[in-house]
Amino acid sequence: MKLKYIIILTLFFSIYACTQNSSQSDEKAEMYEASELSSMMREMVEWSKESKALLALGDTIKSVPAKFYELGSQKATRGEHEEKAFQAMLPLYTEALRGIERGDSQKYYYEASIQACKSCHSTYCGGPMAIIEQL
């Protein structure tokens, strides 16, 4: 009989503990606010997806959002935008964007822009690599 009560109490406390952890996780998720750099990179992903689709159809990319050239001045979560290594990688990306805007072999420069993203993310914040690989 005691074993039955122990099992019931153990189940009760297990369920209670799980619901507590779940609600704490939700609170943490709600507190997160993306940095300027992170927000811009999310926009870059969407633009890149649209651009990839255009190129796949044989169409051309009409324009590059001007704000993408300001990537290096966006405030980052951990201040990496101020580091020399980060700043040194920016020209790879912005030159690729300029190539796309000039209309020079847009597929080549699109791929160069994605490679620039991969290079940077292999140094800083590797989490988005799976998303970048899809671009």
N, C-alpha and C. Protein backbone atom coordinates (compact mmCIF):
# COMPACT_ATOMS: atom_id res chain seq x y z
N MET A 1 0.82 -1.19 0.00
CA MET A 1 0.00 0.00 0.00
C MET A 1 0.87 1.26 0.00
N LYS A 2 1.98 1.23 0.80
CA LYS A 2 2.87 2.37 0.85
C LYS A 2 3.52 2.60 -0.51
N LEU A 3 3.82 1.54 -1.21
CA LEU A 3 4.44 1.64 -2.52
C LEU A 3 3.52 2.38 -3.49
N LYS A 4 2.23 2.11 -3.40
CA LYS A 4 1.25 2.77 -4.26
C LYS A 4 1.28 4.27 -4.01
N TYR A 5 1.32 4.71 -2.75
CA TYR A 5 1.36 6.14 -2.41
C TYR A 5 2.67 6.78 -2.88
N ILE A 6 3.74 6.04 -2.74
CA ILE A 6 5.04 6.57 -3.18
C ILE A 6 5.05 6.78 -4.69
N ILE A 7 4.49 5.84 -5.42
CA ILE A 7 4.43 5.95 -6.88
C ILE A 7 3.55 7.14 -7.27
N ILE A 8 2.41 7.28 -6.63
CA ILE A 8 1.50 8.39 -6.94
C ILE A 8 2.17 9.73 -6.63
N LEU A 9 2.83 9.83 -5.47
CA LEU A 9 3.52 11.07 -5.12
C LEU A 9 4.66 11.38 -6.09
N THR A 10 5.40 10.35 -6.48
CA THR A 10 6.49 10.54 -7.43
C THR A 10 5.97 11.05 -8.76
N LEU A 11 4.89 10.47 -9.25
CA LEU A 11 4.29 10.92 -10.50
C LEU A 11 3.79 12.36 -10.39
N PHE A 12 3.15 12.66 -9.27
CA PHE A 12 2.64 14.01 -9.05
C PHE A 12 3.77 15.03 -9.09
N PHE A 13 4.84 14.77 -8.34
CA PHE A 13 5.96 15.71 -8.30
C PHE A 13 6.69 15.80 -9.64
N SER A 14 6.74 14.71 -10.36
CA SER A 14 7.38 14.72 -11.68
C SER A 14 6.60 15.61 -12.64
N ILE A 15 5.31 15.43 -12.63
CA ILE A 15 4.46 16.25 -13.51
C ILE A 15 4.54 17.71 -13.09
N TYR A 16 4.52 17.98 -11.81
CA TYR A 16 4.60 19.34 -11.32
C TYR A 16 5.94 19.98 -11.73
N ALA A 17 7.03 19.24 -11.58
CA ALA A 17 8.35 19.76 -11.94
C ALA A 17 8.44 20.05 -13.43
N CYS A 18 7.87 19.19 -14.25
CA CYS A 18 7.90 19.41 -15.70
C CYS A 18 7.12 20.66 -16.09
N THR A 19 5.99 20.88 -15.47
CA THR A 19 5.22 22.08 -15.81
C THR A 19 5.93 23.33 -15.35
N GLN A 20 6.67 23.27 -14.26
CA GLN A 20 7.44 24.42 -13.79
C GLN A 20 8.57 24.75 -14.76
N ASN A 21 9.30 23.75 -15.22
CA ASN A 21 10.39 23.97 -16.17
C ASN A 21 9.86 24.52 -17.48
N SER A 22 8.71 24.02 -17.93
CA SER A 22 8.13 24.48 -19.17
C SER A 22 7.75 25.95 -19.10
N SER A 23 7.14 26.37 -18.01
CA SER A 23 6.74 27.77 -17.90
C SER A 23 7.94 28.68 -17.77
N GLN A 24 9.02 28.22 -17.14
CA GLN A 24 10.23 29.03 -17.05
C GLN A 24 10.87 29.18 -18.41
N SER A 25 10.86 28.14 -19.24
CA SER A 25 11.42 28.21 -20.58
C SER A 25 10.66 29.22 -21.42
N ASP A 26 9.33 29.23 -21.29
CA ASP A 26 8.51 30.17 -22.04
C ASP A 26 8.84 31.60 -21.66
N GLU A 27 9.09 31.85 -20.36
CA GLU A 27 9.42 33.19 -19.91
C GLU A 27 10.73 33.65 -20.52
N LYS A 28 11.72 32.78 -20.58
CA LYS A 28 13.01 33.12 -21.17
C LYS A 28 12.85 33.44 -22.64
N ALA A 29 12.04 32.67 -23.35
CA ALA A 29 11.85 32.89 -24.78
C ALA A 29 11.19 34.24 -25.04
N GLU A 30 10.27 34.63 -24.20
CA GLU A 30 9.58 35.89 -24.38
C GLU A 30 10.50 37.07 -24.08
N MET A 31 11.52 36.88 -23.26
CA MET A 31 12.40 37.96 -22.88
C MET A 31 13.43 38.27 -23.96
N TYR A 32 13.69 37.35 -24.87
CA TYR A 32 14.69 37.54 -25.91
C TYR A 32 14.27 38.63 -26.88
N GLU A 33 15.17 39.56 -27.12
CA GLU A 33 14.94 40.57 -28.14
C GLU A 33 16.14 40.54 -29.07
N ALA A 34 15.88 40.36 -30.34
CA ALA A 34 16.96 40.24 -31.31
C ALA A 34 17.74 41.54 -31.41
N SER A 35 19.06 41.42 -31.57
CA SER A 35 19.89 42.60 -31.76
C SER A 35 19.62 43.18 -33.15
N GLU A 36 20.13 44.38 -33.40
CA GLU A 36 19.98 44.99 -34.73
C GLU A 36 20.60 44.10 -35.79
N LEU A 37 21.79 43.57 -35.48
CA LEU A 37 22.50 42.72 -36.43
C LEU A 37 21.71 41.44 -36.71
N SER A 38 21.20 40.82 -35.69
CA SER A 38 20.41 39.61 -35.84
C SER A 38 19.15 39.86 -36.66
N SER A 39 18.47 40.96 -36.38
CA SER A 39 17.25 41.30 -37.13
C SER A 39 17.57 41.51 -38.61
N MET A 40 18.67 42.23 -38.87
CA MET A 40 19.02 42.47 -40.26
C MET A 40 19.37 41.15 -40.95
N MET A 41 20.08 40.29 -40.26
CA MET A 41 20.45 39.02 -40.88
C MET A 41 19.22 38.17 -41.20
N ARG A 42 18.20 38.28 -40.40
CA ARG A 42 16.96 37.55 -40.71
C ARG A 42 16.33 38.11 -41.99
N GLU A 43 16.40 39.43 -42.15
CA GLU A 43 15.91 40.05 -43.38
C GLU A 43 16.76 39.61 -44.57
N MET A 44 18.07 39.48 -44.35
CA MET A 44 18.98 39.04 -45.41
C MET A 44 18.64 37.62 -45.85
N VAL A 45 18.27 36.78 -44.91
CA VAL A 45 17.90 35.40 -45.24
C VAL A 45 16.65 35.41 -46.13
N GLU A 46 15.65 36.20 -45.76
CA GLU A 46 14.43 36.26 -46.56
C GLU A 46 14.72 36.79 -47.96
N TRP A 47 15.51 37.85 -48.05
CA TRP A 47 15.88 38.41 -49.34
C TRP A 47 16.65 37.37 -50.16
N SER A 48 17.55 36.65 -49.51
CA SER A 48 18.34 35.64 -50.21
C SER A 48 17.46 34.51 -50.74
N LYS A 49 16.47 34.10 -49.96
CA LYS A 49 15.55 33.05 -50.42
C LYS A 49 14.79 33.53 -51.66
N GLU A 50 14.30 34.77 -51.60
CA GLU A 50 13.57 35.32 -52.75
C GLU A 50 14.49 35.45 -53.96
N SER A 51 15.72 35.89 -53.73
CA SER A 51 16.68 36.05 -54.83
C SER A 51 17.03 34.71 -55.45
N LYS A 52 17.22 33.70 -54.62
CA LYS A 52 17.52 32.36 -55.13
C LYS A 52 16.38 31.86 -56.02
N ALA A 53 15.15 32.10 -55.58
CA ALA A 53 13.99 31.67 -56.37
C ALA A 53 13.94 32.40 -57.70
N LEU A 54 14.23 33.69 -57.70
CA LEU A 54 14.25 34.45 -58.95
C LEU A 54 15.29 33.90 -59.92
N LEU A 55 16.49 33.67 -59.41
CA LEU A 55 17.57 33.16 -60.24
C LEU A 55 17.25 31.77 -60.78
N ALA A 56 16.58 30.95 -59.99
CA ALA A 56 16.21 29.60 -60.41
C ALA A 56 15.21 29.64 -61.57
N LEU A 57 14.41 30.70 -61.61
CA LEU A 57 13.44 30.86 -62.69
C LEU A 57 14.05 31.52 -63.93
N GLY A 58 15.33 31.88 -63.82
CA GLY A 58 15.98 32.56 -64.94
C GLY A 58 15.74 34.05 -64.94
N ASP A 59 15.16 34.55 -63.89
CA ASP A 59 14.88 35.98 -63.77
C ASP A 59 16.10 36.68 -63.16
N THR A 60 16.02 37.98 -63.03
CA THR A 60 17.12 38.73 -62.43
C THR A 60 16.68 39.36 -61.12
N ILE A 61 17.66 39.60 -60.28
CA ILE A 61 17.42 40.27 -59.01
C ILE A 61 17.37 41.77 -59.32
N LYS A 62 16.28 42.41 -58.98
CA LYS A 62 16.08 43.82 -59.34
C LYS A 62 16.92 44.78 -58.51
N SER A 63 17.02 44.50 -57.20
CA SER A 63 17.78 45.42 -56.34
C SER A 63 18.20 44.71 -55.06
N VAL A 64 19.16 45.33 -54.41
CA VAL A 64 19.63 44.87 -53.11
C VAL A 64 19.21 45.92 -52.10
N PRO A 65 18.58 45.54 -51.00
CA PRO A 65 18.21 46.55 -50.00
C PRO A 65 19.44 47.34 -49.53
N ALA A 66 19.36 48.64 -49.62
CA ALA A 66 20.49 49.53 -49.28
C ALA A 66 20.99 49.30 -47.85
N LYS A 67 20.08 48.96 -46.96
CA LYS A 67 20.49 48.80 -45.56
C LYS A 67 21.44 47.63 -45.36
N PHE A 68 21.47 46.67 -46.30
CA PHE A 68 22.39 45.54 -46.16
C PHE A 68 23.85 45.99 -46.21
N TYR A 69 24.10 47.12 -46.85
CA TYR A 69 25.46 47.66 -46.89
C TYR A 69 25.88 48.24 -45.54
N GLU A 70 24.94 48.41 -44.65
CA GLU A 70 25.21 48.96 -43.32
C GLU A 70 25.37 47.85 -42.28
N LEU A 71 25.59 46.65 -42.74
CA LEU A 71 25.70 45.48 -41.87
C LEU A 71 26.71 45.69 -40.75
N GLY A 72 27.85 46.27 -41.07
CA GLY A 72 28.92 46.44 -40.08
C GLY A 72 28.63 47.45 -39.00
N SER A 73 27.63 48.27 -39.20
CA SER A 73 27.31 49.28 -38.18
C SER A 73 26.15 48.87 -37.28
N GLN A 74 25.58 47.70 -37.53
CA GLN A 74 24.45 47.23 -36.72
C GLN A 74 24.94 46.71 -35.38
N LYS A 75 24.24 47.06 -34.33
CA LYS A 75 24.61 46.62 -32.99
C LYS A 75 24.38 45.12 -32.87
N ALA A 76 25.40 44.42 -32.39
CA ALA A 76 25.34 42.97 -32.25
C ALA A 76 25.08 42.58 -30.80
N THR A 77 24.73 41.33 -30.61
CA THR A 77 24.44 40.82 -29.27
C THR A 77 25.64 40.91 -28.36
N ARG A 78 26.79 40.47 -28.87
CA ARG A 78 28.01 40.43 -28.05
C ARG A 78 29.08 41.40 -28.55
N GLY A 79 28.74 42.38 -29.34
CA GLY A 79 29.69 43.37 -29.79
C GLY A 79 30.63 42.90 -30.88
N GLU A 80 30.35 41.76 -31.52
CA GLU A 80 31.27 41.25 -32.53
C GLU A 80 31.38 42.17 -33.74
N HIS A 81 30.39 43.02 -33.96
CA HIS A 81 30.44 43.92 -35.11
C HIS A 81 31.61 44.91 -35.02
N GLU A 82 32.18 45.06 -33.83
CA GLU A 82 33.29 45.98 -33.64
C GLU A 82 34.65 45.30 -33.79
N GLU A 83 34.68 43.98 -33.86
CA GLU A 83 35.93 43.26 -33.93
C GLU A 83 36.55 43.35 -35.32
N LYS A 84 37.87 43.37 -35.37
CA LYS A 84 38.59 43.49 -36.63
C LYS A 84 38.27 42.34 -37.57
N ALA A 85 38.18 41.13 -37.05
CA ALA A 85 37.90 39.97 -37.90
C ALA A 85 36.54 40.10 -38.57
N PHE A 86 35.54 40.56 -37.82
CA PHE A 86 34.20 40.75 -38.38
C PHE A 86 34.25 41.82 -39.46
N GLN A 87 34.88 42.95 -39.16
CA GLN A 87 34.96 44.05 -40.11
C GLN A 87 35.75 43.65 -41.36
N ALA A 88 36.73 42.77 -41.21
CA ALA A 88 37.53 42.33 -42.35
C ALA A 88 36.71 41.44 -43.30
N MET A 89 35.69 40.78 -42.79
CA MET A 89 34.87 39.89 -43.62
C MET A 89 33.77 40.64 -44.36
N LEU A 90 33.41 41.81 -43.90
CA LEU A 90 32.32 42.57 -44.51
C LEU A 90 32.51 42.86 -45.99
N PRO A 91 33.71 43.25 -46.44
CA PRO A 91 33.87 43.56 -47.86
C PRO A 91 33.55 42.37 -48.79
N LEU A 92 33.77 41.16 -48.33
CA LEU A 92 33.42 39.99 -49.15
C LEU A 92 31.93 40.00 -49.47
N TYR A 93 31.14 40.30 -48.45
CA TYR A 93 29.69 40.32 -48.63
C TYR A 93 29.24 41.53 -49.45
N THR A 94 29.74 42.70 -49.08
CA THR A 94 29.27 43.91 -49.78
C THR A 94 29.72 43.94 -51.24
N GLU A 95 30.90 43.40 -51.55
CA GLU A 95 31.34 43.33 -52.95
C GLU A 95 30.44 42.39 -53.74
N ALA A 96 30.03 41.30 -53.12
CA ALA A 96 29.11 40.37 -53.78
C ALA A 96 27.77 41.07 -54.06
N LEU A 97 27.31 41.84 -53.10
CA LEU A 97 26.05 42.58 -53.31
C LEU A 97 26.19 43.57 -54.45
N ARG A 98 27.33 44.25 -54.52
CA ARG A 98 27.55 45.21 -55.61
C ARG A 98 27.56 44.51 -56.97
N GLY A 99 28.14 43.32 -57.01
CA GLY A 99 28.13 42.53 -58.24
C GLY A 99 26.71 42.17 -58.66
N ILE A 100 25.88 41.82 -57.70
CA ILE A 100 24.47 41.51 -57.99
C ILE A 100 23.79 42.75 -58.54
N GLU A 101 24.02 43.91 -57.91
CA GLU A 101 23.37 45.14 -58.36
C GLU A 101 23.82 45.57 -59.76
N ARG A 102 25.08 45.34 -60.07
CA ARG A 102 25.58 45.69 -61.41
C ARG A 102 24.98 44.79 -62.47
N GLY A 103 24.46 43.66 -62.06
CA GLY A 103 23.90 42.71 -63.01
C GLY A 103 24.95 41.76 -63.57
N ASP A 104 26.16 41.85 -63.03
CA ASP A 104 27.23 40.95 -63.47
C ASP A 104 26.93 39.55 -62.95
N SER A 105 26.81 38.61 -63.83
CA SER A 105 26.65 37.21 -63.44
C SER A 105 26.03 37.08 -62.05
N GLN A 106 24.77 37.38 -61.96
CA GLN A 106 24.09 37.41 -60.67
C GLN A 106 24.18 36.09 -59.92
N LYS A 107 24.15 34.98 -60.63
CA LYS A 107 24.27 33.69 -59.94
C LYS A 107 25.62 33.58 -59.25
N TYR A 108 26.67 34.00 -59.94
CA TYR A 108 28.01 33.94 -59.36
C TYR A 108 28.08 34.82 -58.10
N TYR A 109 27.60 36.04 -58.20
CA TYR A 109 27.70 36.95 -57.06
C TYR A 109 26.72 36.57 -55.94
N TYR A 110 25.60 35.97 -56.31
CA TYR A 110 24.70 35.46 -55.27
C TYR A 110 25.43 34.39 -54.47
N GLU A 111 26.06 33.45 -55.17
CA GLU A 111 26.82 32.38 -54.50
C GLU A 111 27.96 32.97 -53.67
N ALA A 112 28.61 34.02 -54.18
CA ALA A 112 29.68 34.68 -53.43
C ALA A 112 29.14 35.31 -52.15
N SER A 113 27.93 35.84 -52.21
CA SER A 113 27.33 36.44 -51.01
C SER A 113 27.05 35.37 -49.96
N ILE A 114 26.57 34.22 -50.41
CA ILE A 114 26.29 33.12 -49.49
C ILE A 114 27.59 32.57 -48.91
N GLN A 115 28.62 32.47 -49.73
CA GLN A 115 29.92 32.01 -49.24
C GLN A 115 30.47 32.98 -48.19
N ALA A 116 30.25 34.27 -48.38
CA ALA A 116 30.69 35.26 -47.39
C ALA A 116 29.96 35.04 -46.06
N CYS A 117 28.68 34.72 -46.14
CA CYS A 117 27.92 34.42 -44.92
C CYS A 117 28.50 33.19 -44.22
N LYS A 118 28.79 32.15 -45.00
CA LYS A 118 29.35 30.93 -44.42
C LYS A 118 30.69 31.20 -43.76
N SER A 119 31.53 31.98 -44.42
CA SER A 119 32.85 32.29 -43.86
C SER A 119 32.73 33.01 -42.53
N CYS A 120 31.86 33.98 -42.47
CA CYS A 120 31.69 34.75 -41.24
C CYS A 120 31.09 33.88 -40.14
N HIS A 121 30.08 33.10 -40.48
CA HIS A 121 29.41 32.29 -39.47
C HIS A 121 30.24 31.08 -39.03
N SER A 122 31.28 30.77 -39.76
CA SER A 122 32.17 29.73 -39.28
C SER A 122 33.06 30.28 -38.16
N THR A 123 33.15 31.61 -38.07
CA THR A 123 33.90 32.28 -37.00
C THR A 123 32.98 32.77 -35.90
N TYR A 124 31.89 33.39 -36.29
CA TYR A 124 30.93 33.97 -35.34
C TYR A 124 29.60 33.25 -35.45
N CYS A 125 29.09 32.79 -34.35
CA CYS A 125 27.73 32.28 -34.28
C CYS A 125 27.41 31.26 -35.38
N GLY A 126 27.86 30.04 -35.18
CA GLY A 126 27.65 28.99 -36.16
C GLY A 126 26.24 28.46 -36.22
N GLY A 127 25.38 28.87 -35.30
CA GLY A 127 24.00 28.36 -35.26
C GLY A 127 23.24 28.45 -36.56
N PRO A 128 23.30 29.56 -37.29
CA PRO A 128 22.54 29.69 -38.52
C PRO A 128 23.09 28.95 -39.74
N MET A 129 24.18 28.20 -39.57
CA MET A 129 24.80 27.54 -40.72
C MET A 129 23.83 26.63 -41.47
N ALA A 130 22.97 25.95 -40.76
CA ALA A 130 22.00 25.06 -41.43
C ALA A 130 21.07 25.86 -42.34
N ILE A 131 20.69 27.03 -41.90
CA ILE A 131 19.82 27.91 -42.72
C ILE A 131 20.61 28.41 -43.92
N ILE A 132 21.84 28.84 -43.68
CA ILE A 132 22.67 29.38 -44.76
C ILE A 132 22.93 28.31 -45.81
N GLU A 133 23.14 27.08 -45.39
CA GLU A 133 23.38 25.98 -46.33
C GLU A 133 22.21 25.80 -47.29
N GLN A 134 21.02 26.16 -46.88
CA GLN A 134 19.84 26.01 -47.73
C GLN A 134 19.72 27.12 -48.77
N LEU A 135 20.48 28.18 -48.56
CA LEU A 135 20.42 29.31 -49.48
C LEU A 135 21.31 29.02 -50.67
